[in-house]
Amino acid sequence: MAAEFRKIIAPIDGSKEAKKAARKALYMAKHMDLEVVALYVVDTSLLAKFPAPEDVTSFDIDKFLQKEGLDALDEVEEMGREMGVKVEKKMVEGIPDQEIIEMAHQKDLIVMGSKGMTALDRILIGSVSEKVMHHAPCPVMIVRG
């Protein structure tokens, strides 16, 4: 009998809910002998809609977002190491729900938090988890806070 899932995709954004979902993904991966792909999407589209004040132009937002993503990915990798689960870290740029859906294949499982970093994001662009749940080609598990 073929395996039910090929891998577990754990989208993360540094939020408490995403960390809780990542722990759940790692727990399931350990018991199903699967690899976890920790995915961080650098979303610069929202920032592009708002012009930056001239006095903060020296602030490198791309570098800040990259560092935030690397920290979140390293945290999931460390949790995986402690649990004995292999974690592949992946960082991409784009629109979060689209990048998560694009990465997923029919034999994958997406495990993600129900809410992301800010309420403002949900108001402006909608819930990433809701969009993923409706459009992913594979099962999606939403972990509530």
Protein backbone atom coordinates (compact mmCIF):
# COMPACT_ATOMS: atom_id res chain seq x y z
CA MET A 1 0.00 0.00 0.00
CA ALA A 2 1.39 3.40 -0.97
CA ALA A 3 2.06 5.99 1.71
CA GLU A 4 -0.82 8.37 2.36
CA PHE A 5 1.44 11.44 2.27
CA ARG A 6 4.77 12.23 0.63
CA LYS A 7 5.74 15.13 2.90
CA ILE A 8 4.30 17.69 5.29
CA ILE A 9 4.51 21.37 4.38
CA ALA A 10 4.59 23.68 7.41
CA PRO A 11 4.17 27.32 6.38
CA ILE A 12 5.58 29.60 9.06
CA ASP A 13 5.62 33.33 9.67
CA GLY A 14 7.11 33.66 13.14
CA SER A 15 3.72 33.86 14.88
CA LYS A 16 2.79 31.76 17.92
CA GLU A 17 0.08 30.01 15.91
CA ALA A 18 2.54 29.06 13.17
CA LYS A 19 4.98 27.66 15.76
CA LYS A 20 2.19 25.60 17.32
CA ALA A 21 1.23 24.28 13.88
CA ALA A 22 4.89 23.49 13.12
CA ARG A 23 5.12 21.45 16.35
CA LYS A 24 1.99 19.54 15.29
CA ALA A 25 3.49 18.95 11.81
CA LEU A 26 6.74 17.66 13.35
CA TYR A 27 4.86 15.36 15.73
CA MET A 28 2.86 13.90 12.85
CA ALA A 29 5.97 13.59 10.66
CA LYS A 30 7.79 11.68 13.39
CA HIS A 31 4.96 9.19 13.74
CA MET A 32 4.42 8.83 9.98
CA ASP A 33 8.14 8.79 9.11
CA LEU A 34 7.88 11.83 6.85
CA GLU A 35 9.99 14.87 6.11
CA VAL A 36 8.78 18.37 6.96
CA VAL A 37 9.30 21.31 4.64
CA ALA A 38 9.29 24.52 6.69
CA LEU A 39 8.24 27.26 4.29
CA TYR A 40 8.67 30.97 4.92
CA VAL A 41 7.26 33.35 2.32
CA VAL A 42 8.77 36.83 2.23
CA ASP A 43 5.70 38.92 1.42
CA THR A 44 6.78 42.29 0.12
CA SER A 45 3.54 42.95 -1.79
CA LEU A 46 1.81 44.60 1.15
CA LEU A 47 4.70 46.99 1.75
CA ALA A 48 4.76 47.98 -1.90
CA LYS A 49 1.25 49.41 -1.54
CA PHE A 50 2.36 51.96 1.06
CA PRO A 51 5.08 54.50 0.26
CA ALA A 52 7.84 54.66 2.86
CA PRO A 53 8.52 57.99 4.54
CA GLU A 54 11.74 59.54 3.23
CA ASP A 55 13.41 59.47 6.65
CA VAL A 56 13.32 55.65 6.77
CA THR A 57 14.67 54.97 3.30
CA SER A 58 17.94 53.79 4.85
CA PHE A 59 16.02 50.93 6.50
CA ASP A 60 16.50 47.78 4.43
CA ILE A 61 13.12 46.04 4.66
CA ASP A 62 14.25 43.15 2.46
CA LYS A 63 17.14 42.40 4.79
CA PHE A 64 14.82 42.64 7.80
CA LEU A 65 12.30 40.21 6.28
CA GLN A 66 15.06 37.79 5.24
CA LYS A 67 16.45 37.78 8.81
CA GLU A 68 12.98 37.28 10.27
CA GLY A 69 12.43 34.35 7.90
CA LEU A 70 15.79 32.73 8.65
CA ASP A 71 15.15 32.99 12.38
CA ALA A 72 11.72 31.35 12.03
CA LEU A 73 13.13 28.59 9.80
CA ASP A 74 16.01 27.93 12.19
CA GLU A 75 13.57 27.62 15.08
CA VAL A 76 11.53 24.94 13.27
CA GLU A 77 14.73 23.14 12.26
CA GLU A 78 15.83 23.08 15.91
CA MET A 79 12.43 21.74 17.02
CA GLY A 80 12.77 19.03 14.37
CA ARG A 81 16.29 18.13 15.50
CA GLU A 82 15.03 17.75 19.09
CA MET A 83 12.24 15.43 17.86
CA GLY A 84 14.42 13.50 15.42
CA VAL A 85 12.58 14.78 12.33
CA LYS A 86 14.32 15.98 9.18
CA VAL A 87 13.35 19.54 8.28
CA GLU A 88 14.00 21.09 4.88
CA LYS A 89 14.07 24.88 5.17
CA LYS A 90 12.73 26.86 2.25
CA MET A 91 12.37 30.62 1.85
CA VAL A 92 10.67 32.16 -1.17
CA GLU A 93 9.37 35.59 -2.14
CA GLY A 94 5.81 36.13 -3.28
CA ILE A 95 2.23 36.14 -2.11
CA PRO A 96 2.00 33.66 0.81
CA ASP A 97 -1.14 31.72 -0.14
CA GLN A 98 -0.06 31.42 -3.78
CA GLU A 99 3.44 30.22 -2.86
CA ILE A 100 2.11 27.65 -0.37
CA ILE A 101 -0.38 26.32 -2.93
CA GLU A 102 2.27 26.23 -5.65
CA MET A 103 4.59 24.16 -3.47
CA ALA A 104 1.91 21.61 -2.59
CA HIS A 105 1.27 18.47 -4.60
CA GLN A 106 -1.55 15.95 -4.40
CA LYS A 107 0.29 13.57 -2.04
CA ASP A 108 1.36 16.29 0.45
CA LEU A 109 -0.22 17.54 3.66
CA ILE A 110 -0.19 21.21 4.63
CA VAL A 111 -0.25 21.91 8.37
CA MET A 112 -0.62 25.58 9.20
CA GLY A 113 -1.91 27.99 11.82
CA SER A 114 -5.33 29.56 11.50
CA LYS A 115 -4.02 33.09 11.95
CA GLY A 116 -0.83 34.82 10.90
CA MET A 117 1.15 37.73 12.19
CA THR A 118 -1.35 40.58 12.24
CA ALA A 119 -5.04 41.33 12.10
CA LEU A 120 -4.26 44.10 9.59
CA ASP A 121 -3.01 41.47 7.13
CA ARG A 122 -6.30 39.58 7.39
CA ILE A 123 -8.32 42.76 6.86
CA LEU A 124 -6.28 43.88 3.86
CA ILE A 125 -5.58 40.61 2.08
CA GLY A 126 -7.79 38.01 3.74
CA SER A 127 -6.81 34.91 5.63
CA VAL A 128 -3.92 33.01 4.06
CA SER A 129 -5.06 29.78 5.70
CA GLU A 130 -8.57 30.22 4.29
CA LYS A 131 -7.25 30.74 0.77
CA VAL A 132 -4.91 27.75 1.06
CA MET A 133 -7.68 25.56 2.45
CA HIS A 134 -9.94 26.33 -0.53
CA HIS A 135 -7.35 26.10 -3.32
CA ALA A 136 -4.63 23.62 -2.32
CA PRO A 137 -4.42 20.40 -4.34
CA CYS A 138 -3.90 18.38 -1.14
CA PRO A 139 -5.33 18.03 2.37
CA VAL A 140 -4.88 21.03 4.67
CA MET A 141 -4.85 20.83 8.45
CA ILE A 142 -5.57 24.12 10.22
CA VAL A 143 -4.23 24.29 13.78
CA ARG A 144 -6.17 26.69 15.96
CA GLY A 145 -4.52 28.77 18.66
